[in-house]
Protein backbone atom coordinates (compact mmCIF):
# COMPACT_ATOMS: atom_id res chain seq x y z
CA MET A 1 16.11 -4.15 -2.03
CA LYS A 2 16.54 -4.20 1.72
CA ILE A 3 14.44 -1.76 3.72
CA LYS A 4 15.57 -0.84 7.19
CA GLU A 5 12.99 -0.89 9.98
CA LYS A 6 13.13 2.91 10.34
CA GLU A 7 12.42 3.39 6.62
CA PHE A 8 9.12 1.47 6.69
CA GLU A 9 7.35 4.48 8.25
CA ILE A 10 8.54 6.76 5.41
CA VAL A 11 7.66 4.17 2.76
CA LEU A 12 4.18 3.75 4.25
CA GLU A 13 3.60 7.52 4.08
CA ASP A 14 4.85 7.63 0.46
CA LEU A 15 2.53 4.78 -0.51
CA LYS A 16 -0.44 6.44 1.24
CA SER A 17 0.25 9.65 -0.71
CA LEU A 18 0.41 7.67 -3.95
CA ALA A 19 -2.91 6.00 -3.17
CA LEU A 20 -4.54 9.39 -2.65
CA GLN A 21 -3.11 10.64 -5.96
CA MET A 22 -4.66 7.58 -7.63
CA GLY A 23 -8.05 8.41 -6.15
CA ALA A 24 -8.09 5.74 -3.46
CA LYS A 25 -8.83 6.31 0.19
CA VAL A 26 -6.62 4.46 2.69
CA ARG A 27 -8.32 3.32 5.89
CA PHE A 28 -6.77 1.67 8.92
CA GLU A 29 -9.35 -0.49 10.70
CA ARG A 30 -9.37 -3.11 13.43
CA GLY A 31 -10.53 -6.60 12.69
CA ASP A 32 -9.69 -10.16 11.80
CA PHE A 33 -8.52 -9.53 8.22
CA LYS A 34 -5.32 -8.89 6.26
CA GLY A 35 -6.60 -5.98 4.18
CA GLY A 36 -6.51 -4.98 0.56
CA TYR A 37 -8.20 -3.02 -2.23
CA CYS A 38 -11.95 -2.88 -2.69
CA ILE A 39 -14.66 -0.66 -4.14
CA VAL A 40 -17.31 0.69 -1.78
CA LYS A 41 -20.20 2.55 -3.41
CA GLU A 42 -18.03 3.41 -6.44
CA SER A 43 -15.19 4.71 -4.23
CA LYS A 44 -11.76 3.10 -4.30
CA VAL A 45 -10.80 2.06 -0.78
CA ILE A 46 -7.71 0.32 0.55
CA VAL A 47 -8.32 -1.17 3.98
CA ILE A 48 -5.34 -2.06 6.15
CA ASN A 49 -5.47 -3.85 9.47
CA LYS A 50 -4.57 -1.30 12.14
CA LEU A 51 -3.16 -4.06 14.38
CA ALA A 52 -0.71 -5.38 11.75
CA ASN A 53 2.99 -4.65 12.09
CA LEU A 54 4.53 -1.90 9.97
CA GLN A 55 6.02 -4.28 7.40
CA ARG A 56 2.66 -6.05 6.89
CA LYS A 57 0.97 -2.66 6.38
CA VAL A 58 3.52 -1.76 3.67
CA VAL A 59 3.10 -5.17 2.00
CA THR A 60 -0.70 -4.86 1.99
CA LEU A 61 -0.66 -1.31 0.66
CA ALA A 62 1.92 -2.15 -2.03
CA ALA A 63 -0.14 -5.11 -3.25
CA ALA A 64 -3.30 -2.99 -3.33
CA LEU A 65 -1.57 -0.25 -5.33
CA LYS A 66 -0.28 -2.79 -7.81
CA GLU A 67 -3.83 -4.10 -8.18
CA LEU A 68 -5.05 -0.54 -8.78
CA GLY A 69 -2.63 -0.30 -11.70
CA ILE A 70 0.67 1.54 -11.45
CA GLU A 71 1.99 0.65 -14.92
CA GLU A 72 0.75 3.80 -16.61
CA ILE A 73 1.92 6.39 -14.07
CA TYR A 74 5.33 7.78 -13.23
CA LEU A 75 6.73 6.63 -9.92
CA PRO A 76 10.12 7.36 -8.42
CA PRO A 77 12.27 4.27 -9.06
CA LYS A 78 12.61 3.47 -5.35
CA ILE A 79 8.83 3.49 -4.81
CA ARG A 80 8.23 1.34 -7.90
CA GLU A 81 10.85 -1.13 -6.66
CA VAL A 82 9.24 -1.27 -3.21
CA ILE A 83 5.79 -1.91 -4.72
CA GLU A 84 7.12 -4.64 -7.01
CA GLU A 85 9.05 -6.41 -4.23
CA MET A 86 6.52 -6.00 -1.43
CA SER A 87 3.53 -7.05 -3.52
CA GLU A 88 5.29 -10.37 -4.21
CA VAL A 89 5.65 -11.02 -0.46
CA LYS A 90 1.90 -11.11 0.10
């Protein structure tokens, strides 16, 4: 699946919405890190480097969602395909 540069913004928003539905908070922070999924005081948090390019943000968020477990929930086919492909890029 080829994603155009303009579509990355939409995909990022869709993935952020999915994370919220799954009970995870998405935070964009500055720092010397790639980002990913973690648990902070029993809260699910996905931290993404604010300085990363848009594609890297999508890749990080997709990998974190896959780690959270998307197998048991319904996802639109396009979103599932993006998560599967982007999480392999990491």
